[in-house]
Protein backbone atom coordinates (compact mmCIF):
# COMPACT_ATOMS: atom_id res chain seq x y z
CA MET A 1 -65.14 -40.05 -24.49
CA SER A 2 -63.86 -38.73 -21.18
CA LEU A 3 -60.26 -39.08 -20.03
CA SER A 4 -59.10 -39.46 -16.46
CA ALA A 5 -56.41 -37.10 -15.18
CA SER A 6 -53.80 -39.85 -15.60
CA GLU A 7 -54.91 -40.60 -19.15
CA LEU A 8 -54.88 -36.92 -20.06
CA TYR A 9 -51.39 -36.61 -18.60
CA GLU A 10 -50.13 -39.59 -20.61
CA VAL A 11 -51.66 -38.24 -23.82
CA GLY A 12 -50.19 -34.82 -23.06
CA LEU A 13 -46.71 -36.28 -22.75
CA SER A 14 -46.90 -37.40 -26.36
CA LEU A 15 -47.29 -33.79 -27.53
CA PRO A 16 -44.33 -31.65 -28.63
CA PRO A 17 -42.77 -29.62 -25.79
CA SER A 18 -44.00 -26.27 -27.13
CA VAL A 19 -47.59 -27.53 -27.25
CA ARG A 20 -47.31 -29.03 -23.74
CA LYS A 21 -46.01 -25.70 -22.46
CA ASP A 22 -48.87 -23.79 -24.09
CA ILE A 23 -51.48 -26.16 -22.66
CA ALA A 24 -49.87 -26.12 -19.21
CA LEU A 25 -49.80 -22.32 -19.13
CA ARG A 26 -53.40 -22.08 -20.29
CA LEU A 27 -54.53 -24.57 -17.65
CA LEU A 28 -52.58 -22.70 -14.97
CA GLU A 29 -54.11 -19.38 -16.03
CA SER A 30 -57.58 -20.88 -15.73
CA ILE A 31 -56.84 -21.80 -12.12
CA GLU A 32 -55.16 -18.52 -11.26
CA VAL A 33 -58.13 -16.51 -12.52
CA ALA A 34 -60.52 -18.52 -10.38
CA ASP A 35 -58.22 -18.29 -7.38
CA GLN A 36 -57.62 -14.57 -7.89
CA ASP A 37 -61.27 -13.79 -7.20
CA SER A 38 -61.01 -15.63 -3.89
CA VAL A 39 -57.72 -13.91 -3.06
CA ASP A 40 -59.18 -10.50 -3.88
CA LYS A 41 -62.18 -11.17 -1.65
CA ASP A 42 -59.98 -12.33 1.23
CA TRP A 43 -57.71 -9.28 0.88
CA ALA A 44 -60.71 -6.93 0.86
CA THR A 45 -61.93 -8.56 4.08
CA GLU A 46 -58.48 -8.30 5.68
CA ILE A 47 -58.01 -4.68 4.64
CA GLY A 48 -61.45 -3.80 5.99
CA SER A 49 -60.59 -5.46 9.29
CA ARG A 50 -57.29 -3.59 9.55
CA VAL A 51 -58.94 -0.25 8.75
CA ASP A 52 -61.57 -0.95 11.41
CA ASP A 53 -58.80 -1.71 13.94
CA ILE A 54 -57.08 1.59 13.15
CA LEU A 55 -60.26 3.65 13.29
CA SER A 56 -61.36 2.06 16.56
CA GLY A 57 -57.97 2.69 18.17
CA LYS A 58 -57.33 -1.03 18.65
CA VAL A 59 -54.01 -0.58 16.86
CA GLU A 60 -51.83 2.47 16.44
CA THR A 61 -50.03 3.36 13.23
CA ILE A 62 -46.38 4.37 13.06
CA PRO A 63 -45.56 7.64 11.29
CA HIS A 64 -43.75 7.29 7.97
CA ASP A 65 -40.67 9.20 9.14
CA GLU A 66 -40.28 6.87 12.11
CA VAL A 67 -40.61 3.75 9.94
CA MET A 68 -38.02 5.08 7.51
CA ALA A 69 -35.63 5.96 10.37
CA ARG A 70 -35.95 2.46 11.82
CA LEU A 71 -35.27 0.91 8.42
CA ALA A 72 -32.23 3.12 7.94
CA GLU A 73 -30.90 2.02 11.34
CA ARG A 74 -31.37 -1.65 10.50
CA ARG A 75 -29.73 -1.20 7.10
CA ALA A 76 -26.77 0.57 8.69
CA ALA A 77 -26.43 -2.17 11.31
CA ARG A 78 -26.46 -4.90 8.63
CA HIS A 79 -23.90 -2.98 6.59
CA ALA A 80 -21.64 -2.55 9.62
CA ALA A 81 -21.97 -6.25 10.47
CA ARG A 82 -21.00 -7.21 6.91
CA GLN A 83 -18.05 -4.83 7.02
CA GLN A 84 -16.91 -6.32 10.35
CA ALA A 85 -17.29 -9.88 9.05
CA SER A 86 -15.21 -9.16 5.95
CA ARG A 87 -12.23 -7.95 7.99
């Protein structure tokens, strides 16, 4: 006997909450594993493309010290704005 998605859902609702939770998590994990392979492949493609862009000179990287300085400036500006707003 094969159940439709609606029938399976209705039968599932009759189960105790702890069992429903276990089944739901197991079903979700089965999807996430399948999707993770696709995500990993897409990320590998994207990373490869970005590395190629850097090596070809199409894009230029920003030195770590400069990135950190910019972040510190933004953080200080947000802090000052919050201080000003609280006055």
